[in-house]
Amino acid sequence: MPRAIGGISEALRGARRAQFFAEVLAAEQGAELDVTLTEWWGRAMLDSDPQRDRIHAAAVAGTLPATSWDEIARRRANGGAISGE
């Protein structure tokens, strides 16, 4: 997705799109606008994830699988392999 006003707005859902435009219109050109676009680009990436609704429901229900920092460190040390592989 382009990190541009058009690309971001197309990916946002519902009222989030209106909120995005309000913040973009209020931001001054330069660093403030850059920060606004970067923050909203991240939100738009999440909104465009086809698994978003399933992941959100699992997070709310407390059933979303979690990984500890120790496990992430082990995976990195093993070249990305999951323990037991």
N, C-alpha and C. Protein backbone atom coordinates (compact mmCIF):
# COMPACT_ATOMS: atom_id res chain seq x y z
N MET A 1 0.84 -1.17 0.00
CA MET A 1 0.00 0.00 0.00
C MET A 1 0.89 1.24 0.00
N PRO A 2 0.60 2.18 -0.88
CA PRO A 2 1.41 3.40 -0.91
C PRO A 2 1.26 4.18 0.40
N ARG A 3 2.36 4.71 0.87
CA ARG A 3 2.34 5.54 2.08
C ARG A 3 2.01 6.96 1.62
N ALA A 4 0.79 7.11 1.11
CA ALA A 4 0.30 8.37 0.58
C ALA A 4 -1.15 8.55 1.02
N ILE A 5 -1.64 9.76 0.96
CA ILE A 5 -3.00 10.05 1.44
C ILE A 5 -4.02 9.16 0.74
N GLY A 6 -3.93 9.03 -0.56
CA GLY A 6 -4.88 8.20 -1.30
C GLY A 6 -4.81 6.73 -0.92
N GLY A 7 -3.61 6.19 -0.85
CA GLY A 7 -3.45 4.78 -0.50
C GLY A 7 -3.94 4.47 0.89
N ILE A 8 -3.62 5.34 1.82
CA ILE A 8 -4.04 5.14 3.21
C ILE A 8 -5.55 5.23 3.32
N SER A 9 -6.15 6.26 2.72
CA SER A 9 -7.60 6.45 2.86
C SER A 9 -8.39 5.29 2.25
N GLU A 10 -7.89 4.72 1.16
CA GLU A 10 -8.59 3.60 0.54
C GLU A 10 -8.61 2.36 1.42
N ALA A 11 -7.60 2.19 2.26
CA ALA A 11 -7.50 0.99 3.09
C ALA A 11 -8.25 1.11 4.42
N LEU A 12 -8.56 2.32 4.84
CA LEU A 12 -9.21 2.49 6.15
C LEU A 12 -10.69 2.15 6.09
N ARG A 13 -11.17 1.64 7.21
CA ARG A 13 -12.57 1.25 7.31
C ARG A 13 -13.40 2.34 7.98
N GLY A 14 -14.63 2.50 7.53
CA GLY A 14 -15.65 3.31 8.17
C GLY A 14 -15.21 4.68 8.65
N ALA A 15 -15.54 4.95 9.92
CA ALA A 15 -15.29 6.26 10.51
C ALA A 15 -13.80 6.58 10.62
N ARG A 16 -12.97 5.54 10.56
CA ARG A 16 -11.53 5.77 10.65
C ARG A 16 -11.05 6.62 9.47
N ARG A 17 -11.68 6.45 8.32
CA ARG A 17 -11.29 7.24 7.15
C ARG A 17 -11.56 8.73 7.40
N ALA A 18 -12.72 9.05 7.97
CA ALA A 18 -13.04 10.45 8.26
C ALA A 18 -12.07 11.01 9.31
N GLN A 19 -11.73 10.22 10.31
CA GLN A 19 -10.78 10.66 11.33
C GLN A 19 -9.41 10.92 10.70
N PHE A 20 -9.00 10.03 9.78
CA PHE A 20 -7.73 10.20 9.07
C PHE A 20 -7.71 11.54 8.33
N PHE A 21 -8.77 11.81 7.55
CA PHE A 21 -8.80 13.05 6.79
C PHE A 21 -8.78 14.27 7.71
N ALA A 22 -9.48 14.20 8.84
CA ALA A 22 -9.48 15.32 9.78
C ALA A 22 -8.07 15.59 10.30
N GLU A 23 -7.34 14.54 10.63
CA GLU A 23 -5.97 14.71 11.13
C GLU A 23 -5.01 15.19 10.05
N VAL A 24 -5.18 14.67 8.85
CA VAL A 24 -4.31 15.10 7.74
C VAL A 24 -4.55 16.57 7.42
N LEU A 25 -5.81 16.98 7.40
CA LEU A 25 -6.12 18.39 7.09
C LEU A 25 -5.64 19.33 8.18
N ALA A 26 -5.55 18.85 9.43
CA ALA A 26 -5.10 19.68 10.53
C ALA A 26 -3.57 19.74 10.65
N ALA A 27 -2.89 18.77 10.06
CA ALA A 27 -1.42 18.69 10.19
C ALA A 27 -0.74 19.72 9.29
N GLU A 28 0.32 20.31 9.81
CA GLU A 28 1.12 21.23 9.01
C GLU A 28 2.05 20.44 8.11
N GLN A 29 2.30 20.98 6.92
CA GLN A 29 3.21 20.33 5.99
C GLN A 29 4.58 20.23 6.63
N GLY A 30 5.24 19.11 6.42
CA GLY A 30 6.55 18.88 7.00
C GLY A 30 6.50 17.73 7.99
N ALA A 31 7.22 17.87 9.08
CA ALA A 31 7.36 16.78 10.05
C ALA A 31 6.02 16.36 10.63
N GLU A 32 5.15 17.31 10.94
CA GLU A 32 3.85 16.95 11.53
C GLU A 32 3.02 16.10 10.57
N LEU A 33 2.98 16.47 9.31
CA LEU A 33 2.24 15.69 8.32
C LEU A 33 2.90 14.33 8.12
N ASP A 34 4.21 14.29 8.09
CA ASP A 34 4.93 13.02 7.94
C ASP A 34 4.58 12.05 9.07
N VAL A 35 4.57 12.55 10.30
CA VAL A 35 4.23 11.70 11.45
C VAL A 35 2.79 11.21 11.34
N THR A 36 1.89 12.10 10.98
CA THR A 36 0.48 11.72 10.83
C THR A 36 0.31 10.63 9.79
N LEU A 37 0.96 10.80 8.64
CA LEU A 37 0.86 9.79 7.58
C LEU A 37 1.47 8.46 8.01
N THR A 38 2.59 8.50 8.71
CA THR A 38 3.23 7.26 9.17
C THR A 38 2.34 6.52 10.15
N GLU A 39 1.76 7.24 11.10
CA GLU A 39 0.88 6.59 12.08
C GLU A 39 -0.35 5.98 11.41
N TRP A 40 -0.96 6.72 10.51
CA TRP A 40 -2.16 6.23 9.84
C TRP A 40 -1.84 5.13 8.83
N TRP A 41 -0.65 5.14 8.26
CA TRP A 41 -0.26 4.07 7.35
C TRP A 41 -0.23 2.74 8.11
N GLY A 42 0.29 2.76 9.33
CA GLY A 42 0.30 1.56 10.15
C GLY A 42 -1.10 1.06 10.45
N ARG A 43 -2.00 1.98 10.79
CA ARG A 43 -3.39 1.59 11.06
C ARG A 43 -4.05 1.04 9.79
N ALA A 44 -3.75 1.67 8.65
CA ALA A 44 -4.34 1.20 7.39
C ALA A 44 -3.82 -0.19 7.03
N MET A 45 -2.54 -0.45 7.31
CA MET A 45 -2.00 -1.79 7.06
C MET A 45 -2.76 -2.83 7.87
N LEU A 46 -3.04 -2.51 9.13
CA LEU A 46 -3.81 -3.44 9.97
C LEU A 46 -5.23 -3.60 9.44
N ASP A 47 -5.87 -2.51 9.03
CA ASP A 47 -7.23 -2.58 8.50
C ASP A 47 -7.29 -3.40 7.21
N SER A 48 -6.22 -3.41 6.43
CA SER A 48 -6.25 -4.12 5.15
C SER A 48 -5.88 -5.60 5.29
N ASP A 49 -5.50 -6.05 6.48
CA ASP A 49 -5.14 -7.45 6.70
C ASP A 49 -6.40 -8.31 6.59
N PRO A 50 -6.44 -9.29 5.68
CA PRO A 50 -7.64 -10.12 5.53
C PRO A 50 -7.96 -10.96 6.78
N GLN A 51 -6.97 -11.16 7.64
CA GLN A 51 -7.20 -11.92 8.87
C GLN A 51 -7.55 -11.03 10.06
N ARG A 52 -7.67 -9.72 9.82
CA ARG A 52 -7.86 -8.75 10.90
C ARG A 52 -9.02 -9.10 11.82
N ASP A 53 -10.19 -9.39 11.28
CA ASP A 53 -11.36 -9.65 12.11
C ASP A 53 -11.17 -10.90 12.97
N ARG A 54 -10.58 -11.95 12.38
CA ARG A 54 -10.33 -13.18 13.14
C ARG A 54 -9.32 -12.94 14.24
N ILE A 55 -8.26 -12.21 13.94
CA ILE A 55 -7.22 -11.94 14.93
C ILE A 55 -7.76 -11.05 16.04
N HIS A 56 -8.53 -10.05 15.67
CA HIS A 56 -9.12 -9.15 16.68
C HIS A 56 -10.04 -9.93 17.61
N ALA A 57 -10.89 -10.79 17.05
CA ALA A 57 -11.81 -11.58 17.87
C ALA A 57 -11.05 -12.49 18.83
N ALA A 58 -9.97 -13.11 18.34
CA ALA A 58 -9.16 -13.98 19.20
C ALA A 58 -8.47 -13.18 20.30
N ALA A 59 -8.02 -11.99 19.98
CA ALA A 59 -7.37 -11.15 21.00
C ALA A 59 -8.37 -10.75 22.08
N VAL A 60 -9.56 -10.36 21.67
CA VAL A 60 -10.60 -9.97 22.63
C VAL A 60 -11.01 -11.17 23.49
N ALA A 61 -11.07 -12.34 22.89
CA ALA A 61 -11.47 -13.55 23.62
C ALA A 61 -10.34 -14.12 24.47
N GLY A 62 -9.13 -13.64 24.28
CA GLY A 62 -7.99 -14.14 25.05
C GLY A 62 -7.46 -15.46 24.52
N THR A 63 -7.76 -15.77 23.25
CA THR A 63 -7.31 -17.03 22.67
C THR A 63 -6.24 -16.84 21.60
N LEU A 64 -5.76 -15.63 21.44
CA LEU A 64 -4.73 -15.36 20.45
C LEU A 64 -3.42 -15.98 20.91
N PRO A 65 -2.79 -16.81 20.09
CA PRO A 65 -1.52 -17.41 20.49
C PRO A 65 -0.48 -16.32 20.76
N ALA A 66 0.31 -16.53 21.77
CA ALA A 66 1.35 -15.56 22.13
C ALA A 66 2.71 -16.24 22.11
N THR A 67 3.73 -15.44 21.92
CA THR A 67 5.10 -15.94 21.90
C THR A 67 5.92 -15.08 22.86
N SER A 68 6.71 -15.72 23.69
CA SER A 68 7.55 -14.98 24.63
C SER A 68 8.77 -14.41 23.92
N TRP A 69 9.39 -13.41 24.54
CA TRP A 69 10.62 -12.85 23.99
C TRP A 69 11.72 -13.90 23.96
N ASP A 70 11.72 -14.80 24.96
CA ASP A 70 12.72 -15.88 24.98
C ASP A 70 12.57 -16.79 23.77
N GLU A 71 11.31 -17.10 23.41
CA GLU A 71 11.07 -17.95 22.24
C GLU A 71 11.50 -17.24 20.96
N ILE A 72 11.23 -15.96 20.87
CA ILE A 72 11.66 -15.20 19.69
C ILE A 72 13.18 -15.23 19.58
N ALA A 73 13.88 -15.06 20.71
CA ALA A 73 15.35 -15.10 20.71
C ALA A 73 15.84 -16.48 20.27
N ARG A 74 15.18 -17.54 20.75
CA ARG A 74 15.57 -18.91 20.34
C ARG A 74 15.36 -19.09 18.84
N ARG A 75 14.24 -18.60 18.32
CA ARG A 75 13.97 -18.73 16.88
C ARG A 75 15.03 -18.00 16.06
N ARG A 76 15.37 -16.80 16.51
CA ARG A 76 16.40 -16.04 15.79
C ARG A 76 17.74 -16.76 15.82
N ALA A 77 18.06 -17.34 16.97
CA ALA A 77 19.34 -18.08 17.09
C ALA A 77 19.34 -19.32 16.21
N ASN A 78 18.14 -19.88 15.96
CA ASN A 78 18.03 -21.08 15.13
C ASN A 78 17.69 -20.74 13.68
N GLY A 79 17.90 -19.52 13.29
CA GLY A 79 17.64 -19.13 11.91
C GLY A 79 16.17 -19.04 11.58
N GLY A 80 15.31 -18.81 12.60
CA GLY A 80 13.88 -18.66 12.37
C GLY A 80 13.07 -19.91 12.62
N ALA A 81 13.75 -21.01 12.96
CA ALA A 81 13.02 -22.26 13.17
C ALA A 81 12.23 -22.22 14.48
N ILE A 82 11.05 -22.79 14.45
CA ILE A 82 10.21 -22.90 15.64
C ILE A 82 10.71 -24.10 16.46
N SER A 83 10.72 -23.94 17.79
CA SER A 83 11.21 -25.01 18.67
C SER A 83 10.52 -26.34 18.35
N GLY A 84 11.30 -27.39 18.33
CA GLY A 84 10.78 -28.73 18.07
C GLY A 84 10.79 -29.10 16.60
N GLU A 85 11.24 -28.18 15.75
CA GLU A 85 11.31 -28.49 14.30
C GLU A 85 12.61 -29.19 13.98
